[in-house]
Amino acid sequence: MNFDTENSEKTLSDSHTCSDYCEQIRLDLESFISNFPNKSFAIRVLAKESAISEKTIKRLLKKT
């Protein structure tokens, strides 16, 4: 993200797309989940700690 110092609005960088950010989120989620022996348990823990529903996390992992 670029930060415009004049009006301090956050804008997406021209070199990054939403799909780039979605892919990074998916990779970060996969990295977190890999620390657990059970994927379902990891998703449940993440959902509880982040206040994001399990279904949403699963959608992010599937990139849907």
PDB file of N, CA and C in Angstrom:
ATOM      1  N   MET A   1       0.826  -1.180   0.000  1.00  0.00           N
ATOM      2  CA  MET A   1       0.000   0.000   0.000  1.00  0.00           C
ATOM      3  C   MET A   1       0.873   1.246   0.000  1.00  0.00           C
ATOM      4  N   ASN A   2       0.420   2.218  -0.704  1.00  0.00           N
ATOM      5  CA  ASN A   2       1.106   3.497  -0.713  1.00  0.00           C
ATOM      6  C   ASN A   2       0.351   4.452   0.185  1.00  0.00           C
ATOM      7  N   PHE A   3       1.067   5.319   0.840  1.00  0.00           N
ATOM      8  CA  PHE A   3       0.436   6.311   1.694  1.00  0.00           C
ATOM      9  C   PHE A   3       0.708   7.690   1.118  1.00  0.00           C
ATOM     10  N   ASP A   4      -0.334   8.361   0.757  1.00  0.00           N
ATOM     11  CA  ASP A   4      -0.239   9.707   0.229  1.00  0.00           C
ATOM     12  C   ASP A   4      -0.046  10.646   1.414  1.00  0.00           C
ATOM     13  N   THR A   5       1.095  11.303   1.481  1.00  0.00           N
ATOM     14  CA  THR A   5       1.393  12.148   2.636  1.00  0.00           C
ATOM     15  C   THR A   5       0.569  13.425   2.667  1.00  0.00           C
ATOM     16  N   GLU A   6       0.038  13.836   1.525  1.00  0.00           N
ATOM     17  CA  GLU A   6      -0.753  15.069   1.504  1.00  0.00           C
ATOM     18  C   GLU A   6      -2.126  14.889   2.136  1.00  0.00           C
ATOM     19  N   ASN A   7      -2.833  13.811   1.792  1.00  0.00           N
ATOM     20  CA  ASN A   7      -4.158  13.629   2.365  1.00  0.00           C
ATOM     21  C   ASN A   7      -4.275  12.362   3.210  1.00  0.00           C
ATOM     22  N   SER A   8      -3.173  11.662   3.404  1.00  0.00           N
ATOM     23  CA  SER A   8      -3.046  10.468   4.247  1.00  0.00           C
ATOM     24  C   SER A   8      -4.124   9.417   3.992  1.00  0.00           C
ATOM     25  N   GLU A   9      -4.493   9.219   2.713  1.00  0.00           N
ATOM     26  CA  GLU A   9      -5.414   8.150   2.343  1.00  0.00           C
ATOM     27  C   GLU A   9      -4.603   6.942   1.902  1.00  0.00           C
ATOM     28  N   LYS A  10      -5.094   5.760   2.274  1.00  0.00           N
ATOM     29  CA  LYS A  10      -4.458   4.531   1.840  1.00  0.00           C
ATOM     30  C   LYS A  10      -4.967   4.184   0.447  1.00  0.00           C
ATOM     31  N   THR A  11      -4.055   3.850  -0.458  1.00  0.00           N
ATOM     32  CA  THR A  11      -4.443   3.443  -1.803  1.00  0.00           C
ATOM     33  C   THR A  11      -3.671   2.191  -2.181  1.00  0.00           C
ATOM     34  N   LEU A  12      -4.264   1.376  -3.043  1.00  0.00           N
ATOM     35  CA  LEU A  12      -3.566   0.194  -3.531  1.00  0.00           C
ATOM     36  C   LEU A  12      -2.458   0.608  -4.485  1.00  0.00           C
ATOM     37  N   SER A  13      -1.350  -0.037  -4.373  1.00  0.00           N
ATOM     38  CA  SER A  13      -0.249   0.214  -5.283  1.00  0.00           C
ATOM     39  C   SER A  13      -0.629  -0.288  -6.672  1.00  0.00           C
ATOM     40  N   ASP A  14      -0.177   0.401  -7.688  1.00  0.00           N
ATOM     41  CA  ASP A  14      -0.470  -0.007  -9.058  1.00  0.00           C
ATOM     42  C   ASP A  14       0.133  -1.375  -9.384  1.00  0.00           C
ATOM     43  N   SER A  15       1.206  -1.741  -8.713  1.00  0.00           N
ATOM     44  CA  SER A  15       1.876  -2.996  -9.018  1.00  0.00           C
ATOM     45  C   SER A  15       1.240  -4.195  -8.326  1.00  0.00           C
ATOM     46  N   HIS A  16       0.283  -3.984  -7.440  1.00  0.00           N
ATOM     47  CA  HIS A  16      -0.373  -5.079  -6.734  1.00  0.00           C
ATOM     48  C   HIS A  16      -1.858  -5.085  -7.052  1.00  0.00           C
ATOM     49  N   THR A  17      -2.397  -6.285  -7.208  1.00  0.00           N
ATOM     50  CA  THR A  17      -3.822  -6.415  -7.464  1.00  0.00           C
ATOM     51  C   THR A  17      -4.486  -7.076  -6.268  1.00  0.00           C
ATOM     52  N   CYS A  18      -5.793  -7.061  -6.262  1.00  0.00           N
ATOM     53  CA  CYS A  18      -6.531  -7.722  -5.184  1.00  0.00           C
ATOM     54  C   CYS A  18      -6.207  -9.208  -5.142  1.00  0.00           C
ATOM     55  N   SER A  19      -6.004  -9.819  -6.295  1.00  0.00           N
ATOM     56  CA  SER A  19      -5.669 -11.246  -6.314  1.00  0.00           C
ATOM     57  C   SER A  19      -4.304 -11.499  -5.674  1.00  0.00           C
ATOM     58  N   ASP A  20      -3.380 -10.543  -5.802  1.00  0.00           N
ATOM     59  CA  ASP A  20      -2.089 -10.673  -5.128  1.00  0.00           C
ATOM     60  C   ASP A  20      -2.275 -10.688  -3.620  1.00  0.00           C
ATOM     61  N   TYR A  21      -3.142  -9.799  -3.133  1.00  0.00           N
ATOM     62  CA  TYR A  21      -3.390  -9.737  -1.697  1.00  0.00           C
ATOM     63  C   TYR A  21      -4.132 -10.974  -1.216  1.00  0.00           C
ATOM     64  N   CYS A  22      -5.085 -11.458  -2.013  1.00  0.00           N
ATOM     65  CA  CYS A  22      -5.811 -12.680  -1.658  1.00  0.00           C
ATOM     66  C   CYS A  22      -4.856 -13.870  -1.580  1.00  0.00           C
ATOM     67  N   GLU A  23      -3.950 -13.951  -2.517  1.00  0.00           N
ATOM     68  CA  GLU A  23      -2.974 -15.042  -2.511  1.00  0.00           C
ATOM     69  C   GLU A  23      -2.069 -14.946  -1.283  1.00  0.00           C
ATOM     70  N   GLN A  24      -1.660 -13.753  -0.917  1.00  0.00           N
ATOM     71  CA  GLN A  24      -0.817 -13.584   0.272  1.00  0.00           C
ATOM     72  C   GLN A  24      -1.572 -13.991   1.535  1.00  0.00           C
ATOM     73  N   ILE A  25      -2.841 -13.632   1.607  1.00  0.00           N
ATOM     74  CA  ILE A  25      -3.664 -14.026   2.756  1.00  0.00           C
ATOM     75  C   ILE A  25      -3.764 -15.542   2.818  1.00  0.00           C
ATOM     76  N   ARG A  26      -4.012 -16.185   1.672  1.00  0.00           N
ATOM     77  CA  ARG A  26      -4.108 -17.640   1.637  1.00  0.00           C
ATOM     78  C   ARG A  26      -2.805 -18.289   2.098  1.00  0.00           C
ATOM     79  N   LEU A  27      -1.680 -17.763   1.648  1.00  0.00           N
ATOM     80  CA  LEU A  27      -0.385 -18.306   2.052  1.00  0.00           C
ATOM     81  C   LEU A  27      -0.148 -18.129   3.553  1.00  0.00           C
ATOM     82  N   ASP A  28      -0.536 -16.978   4.074  1.00  0.00           N
ATOM     83  CA  ASP A  28      -0.389 -16.733   5.514  1.00  0.00           C
ATOM     84  C   ASP A  28      -1.267 -17.676   6.325  1.00  0.00           C
ATOM     85  N   LEU A  29      -2.484 -17.908   5.857  1.00  0.00           N
ATOM     86  CA  LEU A  29      -3.373 -18.844   6.542  1.00  0.00           C
ATOM     87  C   LEU A  29      -2.805 -20.255   6.509  1.00  0.00           C
ATOM     88  N   GLU A  30      -2.324 -20.673   5.353  1.00  0.00           N
ATOM     89  CA  GLU A  30      -1.722 -22.003   5.226  1.00  0.00           C
ATOM     90  C   GLU A  30      -0.520 -22.155   6.159  1.00  0.00           C
ATOM     91  N   SER A  31       0.265 -21.107   6.268  1.00  0.00           N
ATOM     92  CA  SER A  31       1.422 -21.131   7.158  1.00  0.00           C
ATOM     93  C   SER A  31       0.980 -21.306   8.612  1.00  0.00           C
ATOM     94  N   PHE A  32      -0.041 -20.569   9.014  1.00  0.00           N
ATOM     95  CA  PHE A  32      -0.563 -20.683  10.377  1.00  0.00           C
ATOM     96  C   PHE A  32      -1.087 -22.093  10.626  1.00  0.00           C
ATOM     97  N   ILE A  33      -1.865 -22.597   9.689  1.00  0.00           N
ATOM     98  CA  ILE A  33      -2.491 -23.909   9.838  1.00  0.00           C
ATOM     99  C   ILE A  33      -1.459 -25.027   9.890  1.00  0.00           C
ATOM    100  N   SER A  34      -0.360 -24.844   9.196  1.00  0.00           N
ATOM    101  CA  SER A  34       0.664 -25.892   9.164  1.00  0.00           C
ATOM    102  C   SER A  34       1.314 -26.126  10.530  1.00  0.00           C
ATOM    103  N   ASN A  35       1.121 -25.207  11.465  1.00  0.00           N
ATOM    104  CA  ASN A  35       1.676 -25.373  12.810  1.00  0.00           C
ATOM    105  C   ASN A  35       0.835 -26.298  13.683  1.00  0.00           C
ATOM    106  N   PHE A  36      -0.295 -26.745  13.176  1.00  0.00           N
ATOM    107  CA  PHE A  36      -1.203 -27.608  13.922  1.00  0.00           C
ATOM    108  C   PHE A  36      -1.267 -28.986  13.266  1.00  0.00           C
ATOM    109  N   PRO A  37      -1.436 -30.024  14.070  1.00  0.00           N
ATOM    110  CA  PRO A  37      -1.532 -31.361  13.481  1.00  0.00           C
ATOM    111  C   PRO A  37      -2.869 -31.611  12.774  1.00  0.00           C
ATOM    112  N   ASN A  38      -3.898 -30.820  13.105  1.00  0.00           N
ATOM    113  CA  ASN A  38      -5.229 -31.021  12.552  1.00  0.00           C
ATOM    114  C   ASN A  38      -5.712 -29.710  11.942  1.00  0.00           C
ATOM    115  N   LYS A  39      -6.021 -29.745  10.646  1.00  0.00           N
ATOM    116  CA  LYS A  39      -6.428 -28.527   9.929  1.00  0.00           C
ATOM    117  C   LYS A  39      -7.731 -27.954  10.485  1.00  0.00           C
ATOM    118  N   SER A  40      -8.693 -28.810  10.783  1.00  0.00           N
ATOM    119  CA  SER A  40      -9.983 -28.335  11.301  1.00  0.00           C
ATOM    120  C   SER A  40      -9.818 -27.644  12.646  1.00  0.00           C
ATOM    121  N   PHE A  41      -8.966 -28.213  13.484  1.00  0.00           N
ATOM    122  CA  PHE A  41      -8.704 -27.595  14.788  1.00  0.00           C
ATOM    123  C   PHE A  41      -8.039 -26.237  14.605  1.00  0.00           C
ATOM    124  N   ALA A  42      -7.098 -26.150  13.688  1.00  0.00           N
ATOM    125  CA  ALA A  42      -6.397 -24.886  13.435  1.00  0.00           C
ATOM    126  C   ALA A  42      -7.367 -23.819  12.949  1.00  0.00           C
ATOM    127  N   ILE A  43      -8.272 -24.188  12.069  1.00  0.00           N
ATOM    128  CA  ILE A  43      -9.264 -23.233  11.570  1.00  0.00           C
ATOM    129  C   ILE A  43     -10.166 -22.772  12.709  1.00  0.00           C
ATOM    130  N   ARG A  44     -10.552 -23.699  13.573  1.00  0.00           N
ATOM    131  CA  ARG A  44     -11.406 -23.352  14.716  1.00  0.00           C
ATOM    132  C   ARG A  44     -10.695 -22.385  15.648  1.00  0.00           C
ATOM    133  N   VAL A  45      -9.420 -22.643  15.946  1.00  0.00           N
ATOM    134  CA  VAL A  45      -8.626 -21.758  16.805  1.00  0.00           C
ATOM    135  C   VAL A  45      -8.499 -20.382  16.175  1.00  0.00           C
ATOM    136  N   LEU A  46      -8.159 -20.339  14.904  1.00  0.00           N
ATOM    137  CA  LEU A  46      -8.011 -19.064  14.207  1.00  0.00           C
ATOM    138  C   LEU A  46      -9.319 -18.279  14.190  1.00  0.00           C
ATOM    139  N   ALA A  47     -10.416 -18.963  13.946  1.00  0.00           N
ATOM    140  CA  ALA A  47     -11.721 -18.308  13.924  1.00  0.00           C
ATOM    141  C   ALA A  47     -12.040 -17.682  15.274  1.00  0.00           C
ATOM    142  N   LYS A  48     -11.761 -18.414  16.314  1.00  0.00           N
ATOM    143  CA  LYS A  48     -12.052 -17.898  17.655  1.00  0.00           C
ATOM    144  C   LYS A  48     -11.160 -16.705  17.996  1.00  0.00           C
ATOM    145  N   GLU A  49      -9.880 -16.792  17.692  1.00  0.00           N
ATOM    146  CA  GLU A  49      -8.933 -15.724  18.026  1.00  0.00           C
ATOM    147  C   GLU A  49      -9.108 -14.476  17.164  1.00  0.00           C
ATOM    148  N   SER A  50      -9.585 -14.653  15.944  1.00  0.00           N
ATOM    149  CA  SER A  50      -9.680 -13.516  15.024  1.00  0.00           C
ATOM    150  C   SER A  50     -11.100 -12.976  14.873  1.00  0.00           C
ATOM    151  N   ALA A  51     -12.070 -13.662  15.436  1.00  0.00           N
ATOM    152  CA  ALA A  51     -13.485 -13.281  15.315  1.00  0.00           C
ATOM    153  C   ALA A  51     -13.943 -13.292  13.855  1.00  0.00           C
ATOM    154  N   ILE A  52     -13.363 -14.201  13.080  1.00  0.00           N
ATOM    155  CA  ILE A  52     -13.771 -14.432  11.697  1.00  0.00           C
ATOM    156  C   ILE A  52     -14.371 -15.831  11.656  1.00  0.00           C
ATOM    157  N   SER A  53     -15.489 -15.985  10.980  1.00  0.00           N
ATOM    158  CA  SER A  53     -16.152 -17.282  10.975  1.00  0.00           C
ATOM    159  C   SER A  53     -15.288 -18.346  10.295  1.00  0.00           C
ATOM    160  N   GLU A  54     -15.487 -19.585  10.719  1.00  0.00           N
ATOM    161  CA  GLU A  54     -14.761 -20.707  10.129  1.00  0.00           C
ATOM    162  C   GLU A  54     -15.043 -20.807   8.632  1.00  0.00           C
ATOM    163  N   LYS A  55     -16.289 -20.567   8.241  1.00  0.00           N
ATOM    164  CA  LYS A  55     -16.644 -20.628   6.822  1.00  0.00           C
ATOM    165  C   LYS A  55     -15.876 -19.592   6.009  1.00  0.00           C
ATOM    166  N   THR A  56     -15.709 -18.399   6.567  1.00  0.00           N
ATOM    167  CA  THR A  56     -14.967 -17.352   5.861  1.00  0.00           C
ATOM    168  C   THR A  56     -13.507 -17.753   5.703  1.00  0.00           C
ATOM    169  N   ILE A  57     -12.922 -18.308   6.741  1.00  0.00           N
ATOM    170  CA  ILE A  57     -11.530 -18.762   6.662  1.00  0.00           C
ATOM    171  C   ILE A  57     -11.395 -19.853   5.597  1.00  0.00           C
ATOM    172  N   LYS A  58     -12.336 -20.778   5.565  1.00  0.00           N
ATOM    173  CA  LYS A  58     -12.302 -21.838   4.566  1.00  0.00           C
ATOM    174  C   LYS A  58     -12.433 -21.269   3.152  1.00  0.00           C
ATOM    175  N   ARG A  59     -13.276 -20.251   2.997  1.00  0.00           N
ATOM    176  CA  ARG A  59     -13.420 -19.593   1.690  1.00  0.00           C
ATOM    177  C   ARG A  59     -12.124 -18.917   1.270  1.00  0.00           C
ATOM    178  N   LEU A  60     -11.471 -18.261   2.228  1.00  0.00           N
ATOM    179  CA  LEU A  60     -10.194 -17.609   1.921  1.00  0.00           C
ATOM    180  C   LEU A  60      -9.147 -18.630   1.497  1.00  0.00           C
ATOM    181  N   LEU A  61      -9.137 -19.767   2.161  1.00  0.00           N
ATOM    182  CA  LEU A  61      -8.190 -20.824   1.804  1.00  0.00           C
ATOM    183  C   LEU A  61      -8.455 -21.375   0.402  1.00  0.00           C
ATOM    184  N   LYS A  62      -9.734 -21.430   0.020  1.00  0.00           N
ATOM    185  CA  LYS A  62     -10.116 -21.924  -1.306  1.00  0.00           C
ATOM    186  C   LYS A  62     -10.059 -20.844  -2.373  1.00  0.00           C
ATOM    187  N   LYS A  63      -9.838 -19.596  -1.940  1.00  0.00           N
ATOM    188  CA  LYS A  63      -9.802 -18.443  -2.844  1.00  0.00           C
ATOM    189  C   LYS A  63     -11.130 -18.233  -3.556  1.00  0.00           C
ATOM    190  N   THR A  64     -12.229 -18.418  -2.804  1.00  0.00           N
ATOM    191  CA  THR A  64     -13.563 -18.193  -3.394  1.00  0.00           C
ATOM    192  C   THR A  64     -14.197 -16.965  -2.773  1.00  0.00           C
TER     193      THR A  64
END
